[in-house]
Amino acid sequence: MNNEELKEYLNEVKSKVDGTPKNVAAQTKLSKQKYSFSNFSFSEQLIIWDYIWNNSPDEWTRMQSYLFLDSCIKDKNLLVESWGKIKNWQKRVDNWGDCDALSKIYTKILKSCIAI
């Protein structure tokens, strides 16, 4: 995936976020809709969501990356696979909502690693 494609995916997500009320319930509902890349493999989607997390202009767009991972939380293998990318997401955390959300994912991953 090249940088231009990643920018297009970011713009797609941002456009949908901008057209949705800025509250957790509405954003969660939005995350259940399909994006043009929703049928890609988990690894490919993770590259896109990582790009969106690290380059999104606002917390609401960034939240969609978290919600993608949250939808995978029951699959321990997918979460563990994501660690290499998302372990640095904490660098963009600047509010309690992001902190709480990301700590939920990190905790689940760490518990999965202990169980392996």
C-alpha atoms as a PDB file:
ATOM      1  CA  MET A   1       0.000   0.000   0.000  1.00  0.00           C
ATOM      2  CA  ASN A   2       1.410   3.361  -0.928  1.00  0.00           C
ATOM      3  CA  ASN A   3       1.080   6.662   0.898  1.00  0.00           C
ATOM      4  CA  GLU A   4      -1.493   8.041  -1.569  1.00  0.00           C
ATOM      5  CA  GLU A   5      -3.788   5.060  -1.014  1.00  0.00           C
ATOM      6  CA  LEU A   6      -3.453   5.443   2.742  1.00  0.00           C
ATOM      7  CA  LYS A   7      -4.353   9.144   2.473  1.00  0.00           C
ATOM      8  CA  GLU A   8      -7.450   8.215   0.438  1.00  0.00           C
ATOM      9  CA  TYR A   9      -8.542   5.756   3.127  1.00  0.00           C
ATOM     10  CA  LEU A  10      -7.992   8.391   5.800  1.00  0.00           C
ATOM     11  CA  ASN A  11     -10.103  10.856   3.803  1.00  0.00           C
ATOM     12  CA  GLU A  12     -12.839   8.232   3.378  1.00  0.00           C
ATOM     13  CA  VAL A  13     -13.023   7.615   7.125  1.00  0.00           C
ATOM     14  CA  LYS A  14     -12.777  11.329   7.973  1.00  0.00           C
ATOM     15  CA  SER A  15     -15.607  12.120   5.549  1.00  0.00           C
ATOM     16  CA  LYS A  16     -17.889   9.558   7.213  1.00  0.00           C
ATOM     17  CA  VAL A  17     -16.887  10.737  10.689  1.00  0.00           C
ATOM     18  CA  ASP A  18     -17.557  14.355   9.747  1.00  0.00           C
ATOM     19  CA  GLY A  19     -21.071  13.382   8.640  1.00  0.00           C
ATOM     20  CA  THR A  20     -21.829  11.640  11.921  1.00  0.00           C
ATOM     21  CA  PRO A  21     -22.691  13.198  15.301  1.00  0.00           C
ATOM     22  CA  LYS A  22     -19.668  13.536  17.573  1.00  0.00           C
ATOM     23  CA  ASN A  23     -20.668  11.199  20.352  1.00  0.00           C
ATOM     24  CA  VAL A  24     -19.518   7.695  21.245  1.00  0.00           C
ATOM     25  CA  ALA A  25     -22.821   5.980  20.397  1.00  0.00           C
ATOM     26  CA  ALA A  26     -22.962   7.467  16.890  1.00  0.00           C
ATOM     27  CA  GLN A  27     -19.281   6.797  16.244  1.00  0.00           C
ATOM     28  CA  THR A  28     -19.629   3.193  17.428  1.00  0.00           C
ATOM     29  CA  LYS A  29     -22.572   2.709  15.075  1.00  0.00           C
ATOM     30  CA  LEU A  30     -20.516   4.217  12.250  1.00  0.00           C
ATOM     31  CA  SER A  31     -17.666   1.785  12.924  1.00  0.00           C
ATOM     32  CA  LYS A  32     -19.993  -1.126  12.141  1.00  0.00           C
ATOM     33  CA  GLN A  33     -20.525   0.167   8.585  1.00  0.00           C
ATOM     34  CA  LYS A  34     -18.313  -1.002   5.765  1.00  0.00           C
ATOM     35  CA  TYR A  35     -15.455   1.009   4.331  1.00  0.00           C
ATOM     36  CA  SER A  36     -13.967   0.387   0.896  1.00  0.00           C
ATOM     37  CA  PHE A  37     -11.187  -1.571   2.614  1.00  0.00           C
ATOM     38  CA  SER A  38     -13.329  -3.563   5.061  1.00  0.00           C
ATOM     39  CA  ASN A  39     -12.915  -6.810   3.118  1.00  0.00           C
ATOM     40  CA  PHE A  40      -9.109  -6.625   3.138  1.00  0.00           C
ATOM     41  CA  SER A  41      -7.192  -9.047   5.338  1.00  0.00           C
ATOM     42  CA  PHE A  42      -6.709  -8.128   8.977  1.00  0.00           C
ATOM     43  CA  SER A  43      -3.039  -7.330   8.346  1.00  0.00           C
ATOM     44  CA  GLU A  44      -3.888  -4.965   5.482  1.00  0.00           C
ATOM     45  CA  GLN A  45      -6.625  -3.271   7.481  1.00  0.00           C
ATOM     46  CA  LEU A  46      -4.253  -2.879  10.418  1.00  0.00           C
ATOM     47  CA  ILE A  47      -1.814  -0.981   8.178  1.00  0.00           C
ATOM     48  CA  ILE A  48      -4.645   1.363   7.179  1.00  0.00           C
ATOM     49  CA  TRP A  49      -5.952   1.849  10.722  1.00  0.00           C
ATOM     50  CA  ASP A  50      -2.435   2.426  11.998  1.00  0.00           C
ATOM     51  CA  TYR A  51      -1.959   5.125   9.367  1.00  0.00           C
ATOM     52  CA  ILE A  52      -5.302   6.682  10.322  1.00  0.00           C
ATOM     53  CA  TRP A  53      -4.430   6.645  14.039  1.00  0.00           C
ATOM     54  CA  ASN A  54      -1.072   8.282  13.423  1.00  0.00           C
ATOM     55  CA  ASN A  55      -2.262  10.824  10.844  1.00  0.00           C
ATOM     56  CA  SER A  56      -5.851  11.660  11.731  1.00  0.00           C
ATOM     57  CA  PRO A  57      -6.547  15.342  12.244  1.00  0.00           C
ATOM     58  CA  ASP A  58      -8.957  14.777  15.133  1.00  0.00           C
ATOM     59  CA  GLU A  59      -9.793  12.376  17.934  1.00  0.00           C
ATOM     60  CA  TRP A  60     -13.112  11.321  16.376  1.00  0.00           C
ATOM     61  CA  THR A  61     -11.423  10.031  13.230  1.00  0.00           C
ATOM     62  CA  ARG A  62      -8.722   8.393  15.335  1.00  0.00           C
ATOM     63  CA  MET A  63     -11.452   6.723  17.395  1.00  0.00           C
ATOM     64  CA  GLN A  64     -12.435   4.631  14.377  1.00  0.00           C
ATOM     65  CA  SER A  65      -9.023   2.897  14.557  1.00  0.00           C
ATOM     66  CA  TYR A  66      -9.648   1.975  18.165  1.00  0.00           C
ATOM     67  CA  LEU A  67     -13.177   0.770  17.358  1.00  0.00           C
ATOM     68  CA  PHE A  68     -11.788  -1.477  14.617  1.00  0.00           C
ATOM     69  CA  LEU A  69      -9.478  -3.136  17.138  1.00  0.00           C
ATOM     70  CA  ASP A  70     -12.231  -3.287  19.730  1.00  0.00           C
ATOM     71  CA  SER A  71     -14.319  -5.283  17.238  1.00  0.00           C
ATOM     72  CA  CYS A  72     -11.487  -7.856  17.151  1.00  0.00           C
ATOM     73  CA  ILE A  73     -11.062  -8.063  20.916  1.00  0.00           C
ATOM     74  CA  LYS A  74     -12.417 -11.610  21.164  1.00  0.00           C
ATOM     75  CA  ASP A  75      -9.785 -12.942  18.774  1.00  0.00           C
ATOM     76  CA  LYS A  76      -6.644 -13.100  20.884  1.00  0.00           C
ATOM     77  CA  ASN A  77      -4.432 -13.982  17.928  1.00  0.00           C
ATOM     78  CA  LEU A  78      -5.484 -10.877  15.976  1.00  0.00           C
ATOM     79  CA  LEU A  79      -4.877  -8.662  18.971  1.00  0.00           C
ATOM     80  CA  VAL A  80      -1.446 -10.133  19.613  1.00  0.00           C
ATOM     81  CA  GLU A  81      -0.661  -9.709  15.893  1.00  0.00           C
ATOM     82  CA  SER A  82      -1.585  -6.031  16.186  1.00  0.00           C
ATOM     83  CA  TRP A  83       0.855  -5.308  19.031  1.00  0.00           C
ATOM     84  CA  GLY A  84       3.814  -4.470  16.783  1.00  0.00           C
ATOM     85  CA  LYS A  85       1.835  -1.627  15.219  1.00  0.00           C
ATOM     86  CA  ILE A  86      -0.304  -0.338  18.056  1.00  0.00           C
ATOM     87  CA  LYS A  87       2.215  -0.344  20.883  1.00  0.00           C
ATOM     88  CA  ASN A  88       3.201   3.154  19.779  1.00  0.00           C
ATOM     89  CA  TRP A  89      -0.358   4.477  19.579  1.00  0.00           C
ATOM     90  CA  GLN A  90      -0.022   5.707  23.150  1.00  0.00           C
ATOM     91  CA  LYS A  91       2.211   8.490  21.813  1.00  0.00           C
ATOM     92  CA  ARG A  92      -0.884  10.201  20.375  1.00  0.00           C
ATOM     93  CA  VAL A  93      -3.003   9.868  23.501  1.00  0.00           C
ATOM     94  CA  ASP A  94      -3.919  13.314  24.770  1.00  0.00           C
ATOM     95  CA  ASN A  95      -7.240  12.773  26.528  1.00  0.00           C
ATOM     96  CA  TRP A  96      -8.862  10.421  29.027  1.00  0.00           C
ATOM     97  CA  GLY A  97     -11.127   8.819  26.416  1.00  0.00           C
ATOM     98  CA  ASP A  98      -8.205   7.703  24.249  1.00  0.00           C
ATOM     99  CA  CYS A  99      -6.302   6.612  27.348  1.00  0.00           C
ATOM    100  CA  ASP A 100      -9.147   4.456  28.664  1.00  0.00           C
ATOM    101  CA  ALA A 101      -9.929   2.974  25.255  1.00  0.00           C
ATOM    102  CA  LEU A 102      -6.354   2.087  24.406  1.00  0.00           C
ATOM    103  CA  SER A 103      -5.625   0.687  27.854  1.00  0.00           C
ATOM    104  CA  LYS A 104      -8.529  -1.740  27.363  1.00  0.00           C
ATOM    105  CA  ILE A 105      -6.902  -3.090  24.186  1.00  0.00           C
ATOM    106  CA  TYR A 106      -3.385  -3.143  25.678  1.00  0.00           C
ATOM    107  CA  THR A 107      -4.628  -5.020  28.746  1.00  0.00           C
ATOM    108  CA  LYS A 108      -6.380  -7.615  26.595  1.00  0.00           C
ATOM    109  CA  ILE A 109      -3.221  -8.133  24.526  1.00  0.00           C
ATOM    110  CA  LEU A 110      -1.002  -8.463  27.596  1.00  0.00           C
ATOM    111  CA  LYS A 111      -3.402 -10.969  29.179  1.00  0.00           C
ATOM    112  CA  SER A 112      -3.378 -12.955  25.937  1.00  0.00           C
ATOM    113  CA  CYS A 113       0.426 -13.023  25.878  1.00  0.00           C
ATOM    114  CA  ILE A 114       0.576 -14.275  29.445  1.00  0.00           C
ATOM    115  CA  ALA A 115      -1.835 -17.068  28.547  1.00  0.00           C
ATOM    116  CA  ILE A 116       0.296 -18.205  25.580  1.00  0.00           C
END
